Amino acid sequence: MKLICWNCQGLGNPLMVQALKAMTAKEKPDIFFLMETKNQESVLLRMQRQLHFSNSFMRNPIGIAGGLAVFLE
């Protein structure tokens, strides 16, 4: 089982999204945990589909801080 944890501090930067896609394509993790996403669930669901994960658990940020997402195969 392979797990990747990433403190991304916001997914608004397109370069960050490209880096996450490249990392998941190369490493093929079973679980991908994102911290400090600073994004609502709708954005994270789109990210889940782009990264080709079938399941997820998410917490919305409080104000402009926080946000968690766990993507699972």
N, C-alpha and C. Protein backbone atom coordinates (compact mmCIF):
# COMPACT_ATOMS: atom_id res chain seq x y z
N MET A 1 0.84 -1.17 0.00
CA MET A 1 0.00 0.00 0.00
C MET A 1 0.89 1.24 0.00
N LYS A 2 0.56 2.17 -0.85
CA LYS A 2 1.34 3.40 -0.97
C LYS A 2 0.47 4.59 -0.57
N LEU A 3 1.02 5.45 0.28
CA LEU A 3 0.32 6.63 0.78
C LEU A 3 1.16 7.87 0.51
N ILE A 4 0.50 8.93 0.02
CA ILE A 4 1.16 10.23 -0.15
C ILE A 4 0.38 11.25 0.66
N CYS A 5 1.10 12.01 1.50
CA CYS A 5 0.54 13.14 2.25
C CYS A 5 1.17 14.41 1.72
N TRP A 6 0.34 15.43 1.46
CA TRP A 6 0.86 16.65 0.86
C TRP A 6 0.19 17.85 1.52
N ASN A 7 0.99 18.77 2.04
CA ASN A 7 0.48 20.03 2.57
C ASN A 7 0.52 21.02 1.42
N CYS A 8 -0.58 21.14 0.71
CA CYS A 8 -0.57 21.89 -0.56
C CYS A 8 -0.83 23.38 -0.38
N GLN A 9 -1.31 23.83 0.77
CA GLN A 9 -1.54 25.25 1.05
C GLN A 9 -2.31 25.94 -0.07
N GLY A 10 -3.36 25.31 -0.52
CA GLY A 10 -4.21 25.89 -1.55
C GLY A 10 -4.00 25.25 -2.91
N LEU A 11 -5.09 24.99 -3.58
CA LEU A 11 -5.02 24.36 -4.91
C LEU A 11 -5.36 25.36 -6.00
N GLY A 12 -5.25 26.65 -5.73
CA GLY A 12 -5.58 27.66 -6.72
C GLY A 12 -4.51 27.85 -7.78
N ASN A 13 -3.31 27.39 -7.52
CA ASN A 13 -2.20 27.55 -8.45
C ASN A 13 -2.21 26.41 -9.46
N PRO A 14 -2.34 26.69 -10.76
CA PRO A 14 -2.35 25.62 -11.77
C PRO A 14 -1.07 24.78 -11.77
N LEU A 15 0.06 25.37 -11.40
CA LEU A 15 1.30 24.59 -11.33
C LEU A 15 1.24 23.55 -10.23
N MET A 16 0.56 23.87 -9.12
CA MET A 16 0.39 22.91 -8.03
C MET A 16 -0.45 21.73 -8.51
N VAL A 17 -1.51 22.02 -9.23
CA VAL A 17 -2.38 20.95 -9.75
C VAL A 17 -1.60 20.06 -10.72
N GLN A 18 -0.81 20.64 -11.59
CA GLN A 18 0.01 19.85 -12.52
C GLN A 18 1.00 18.97 -11.76
N ALA A 19 1.59 19.51 -10.71
CA ALA A 19 2.56 18.75 -9.92
C ALA A 19 1.87 17.57 -9.24
N LEU A 20 0.67 17.78 -8.72
CA LEU A 20 -0.08 16.68 -8.08
C LEU A 20 -0.45 15.60 -9.08
N LYS A 21 -0.88 16.02 -10.27
CA LYS A 21 -1.21 15.05 -11.33
C LYS A 21 0.01 14.22 -11.71
N ALA A 22 1.14 14.89 -11.88
CA ALA A 22 2.37 14.18 -12.26
C ALA A 22 2.80 13.21 -11.17
N MET A 23 2.71 13.64 -9.91
CA MET A 23 3.12 12.79 -8.80
C MET A 23 2.23 11.56 -8.68
N THR A 24 0.91 11.74 -8.80
CA THR A 24 0.03 10.58 -8.68
C THR A 24 0.17 9.64 -9.88
N ALA A 25 0.44 10.18 -11.06
CA ALA A 25 0.65 9.33 -12.23
C ALA A 25 1.92 8.51 -12.09
N LYS A 26 2.96 9.11 -11.54
CA LYS A 26 4.24 8.41 -11.38
C LYS A 26 4.21 7.41 -10.24
N GLU A 27 3.70 7.83 -9.08
CA GLU A 27 3.76 6.99 -7.88
C GLU A 27 2.60 6.03 -7.71
N LYS A 28 1.45 6.35 -8.31
CA LYS A 28 0.24 5.52 -8.23
C LYS A 28 -0.10 5.13 -6.78
N PRO A 29 -0.34 6.13 -5.93
CA PRO A 29 -0.66 5.81 -4.52
C PRO A 29 -2.05 5.22 -4.36
N ASP A 30 -2.23 4.43 -3.31
CA ASP A 30 -3.53 3.89 -2.96
C ASP A 30 -4.35 4.92 -2.19
N ILE A 31 -3.65 5.75 -1.41
CA ILE A 31 -4.27 6.80 -0.61
C ILE A 31 -3.51 8.09 -0.84
N PHE A 32 -4.25 9.16 -1.06
CA PHE A 32 -3.64 10.47 -1.28
C PHE A 32 -4.30 11.46 -0.33
N PHE A 33 -3.54 12.00 0.62
CA PHE A 33 -4.06 12.88 1.67
C PHE A 33 -3.57 14.30 1.43
N LEU A 34 -4.50 15.22 1.25
CA LEU A 34 -4.18 16.63 1.02
C LEU A 34 -4.57 17.45 2.25
N MET A 35 -3.64 18.24 2.76
CA MET A 35 -3.89 19.12 3.91
C MET A 35 -3.84 20.57 3.45
N GLU A 36 -4.55 21.42 4.17
CA GLU A 36 -4.57 22.86 3.88
C GLU A 36 -4.99 23.14 2.44
N THR A 37 -6.04 22.48 1.99
CA THR A 37 -6.47 22.67 0.60
C THR A 37 -7.08 24.04 0.37
N LYS A 38 -7.70 24.61 1.39
CA LYS A 38 -8.35 25.92 1.31
C LYS A 38 -9.43 25.97 0.22
N ASN A 39 -10.01 24.80 -0.11
CA ASN A 39 -11.03 24.72 -1.15
C ASN A 39 -12.26 23.98 -0.63
N GLN A 40 -13.40 24.34 -1.22
CA GLN A 40 -14.66 23.70 -0.88
C GLN A 40 -14.72 22.31 -1.52
N GLU A 41 -15.69 21.52 -1.06
CA GLU A 41 -15.84 20.15 -1.52
C GLU A 41 -16.01 20.04 -3.03
N SER A 42 -16.71 20.98 -3.65
CA SER A 42 -16.94 20.91 -5.11
C SER A 42 -15.61 20.95 -5.88
N VAL A 43 -14.68 21.77 -5.43
CA VAL A 43 -13.36 21.85 -6.08
C VAL A 43 -12.59 20.56 -5.85
N LEU A 44 -12.68 20.02 -4.65
CA LEU A 44 -11.95 18.79 -4.33
C LEU A 44 -12.52 17.58 -5.07
N LEU A 45 -13.83 17.56 -5.28
CA LEU A 45 -14.42 16.47 -6.07
C LEU A 45 -13.91 16.49 -7.51
N ARG A 46 -13.76 17.68 -8.07
CA ARG A 46 -13.19 17.79 -9.42
C ARG A 46 -11.75 17.30 -9.43
N MET A 47 -11.00 17.65 -8.39
CA MET A 47 -9.61 17.19 -8.27
C MET A 47 -9.56 15.67 -8.15
N GLN A 48 -10.47 15.11 -7.39
CA GLN A 48 -10.54 13.65 -7.24
C GLN A 48 -10.69 12.98 -8.60
N ARG A 49 -11.60 13.49 -9.42
CA ARG A 49 -11.82 12.92 -10.76
C ARG A 49 -10.58 13.09 -11.63
N GLN A 50 -9.93 14.25 -11.57
CA GLN A 50 -8.75 14.50 -12.39
C GLN A 50 -7.60 13.58 -12.02
N LEU A 51 -7.52 13.21 -10.74
CA LEU A 51 -6.44 12.34 -10.27
C LEU A 51 -6.81 10.86 -10.35
N HIS A 52 -8.03 10.57 -10.79
CA HIS A 52 -8.50 9.19 -11.03
C HIS A 52 -8.60 8.36 -9.75
N PHE A 53 -9.15 8.96 -8.71
CA PHE A 53 -9.45 8.22 -7.48
C PHE A 53 -10.95 8.00 -7.42
N SER A 54 -11.36 6.84 -6.89
CA SER A 54 -12.78 6.49 -6.92
C SER A 54 -13.53 6.89 -5.65
N ASN A 55 -12.86 7.09 -4.52
CA ASN A 55 -13.53 7.42 -3.26
C ASN A 55 -12.81 8.58 -2.59
N SER A 56 -13.55 9.26 -1.70
CA SER A 56 -12.94 10.38 -1.00
C SER A 56 -13.67 10.69 0.30
N PHE A 57 -12.95 11.34 1.21
CA PHE A 57 -13.48 11.93 2.43
C PHE A 57 -12.92 13.34 2.48
N MET A 58 -13.79 14.33 2.80
CA MET A 58 -13.35 15.72 2.75
C MET A 58 -13.90 16.53 3.90
N ARG A 59 -13.15 17.57 4.27
CA ARG A 59 -13.59 18.59 5.23
C ARG A 59 -13.35 19.95 4.61
N ASN A 60 -14.39 20.75 4.57
CA ASN A 60 -14.26 22.10 4.05
C ASN A 60 -13.40 22.95 4.98
N PRO A 61 -12.74 23.97 4.45
CA PRO A 61 -11.98 24.87 5.30
C PRO A 61 -12.92 25.72 6.15
N ILE A 62 -12.38 26.27 7.21
CA ILE A 62 -13.11 27.22 8.04
C ILE A 62 -12.54 28.59 7.72
N GLY A 63 -13.33 29.41 7.08
CA GLY A 63 -12.83 30.70 6.60
C GLY A 63 -11.82 30.47 5.49
N ILE A 64 -10.63 31.01 5.66
CA ILE A 64 -9.59 30.82 4.64
C ILE A 64 -8.50 29.86 5.12
N ALA A 65 -8.78 29.13 6.19
CA ALA A 65 -7.77 28.21 6.73
C ALA A 65 -8.30 26.78 6.73
N GLY A 66 -7.39 25.85 6.54
CA GLY A 66 -7.71 24.44 6.65
C GLY A 66 -8.21 23.82 5.37
N GLY A 67 -8.98 22.77 5.55
CA GLY A 67 -9.48 21.97 4.45
C GLY A 67 -8.65 20.70 4.32
N LEU A 68 -9.34 19.57 4.29
CA LEU A 68 -8.67 18.28 4.18
C LEU A 68 -9.36 17.43 3.12
N ALA A 69 -8.59 16.58 2.47
CA ALA A 69 -9.16 15.64 1.51
C ALA A 69 -8.34 14.36 1.55
N VAL A 70 -9.04 13.23 1.58
CA VAL A 70 -8.40 11.92 1.46
C VAL A 70 -9.02 11.25 0.25
N PHE A 71 -8.18 10.92 -0.73
CA PHE A 71 -8.64 10.23 -1.93
C PHE A 71 -8.16 8.79 -1.85
N LEU A 72 -9.06 7.86 -2.20
CA LEU A 72 -8.79 6.43 -2.10
C LEU A 72 -9.10 5.73 -3.41
N GLU A 73 -8.33 4.68 -3.67
CA GLU A 73 -8.61 3.83 -4.84
C GLU A 73 -9.80 2.99 -4.56
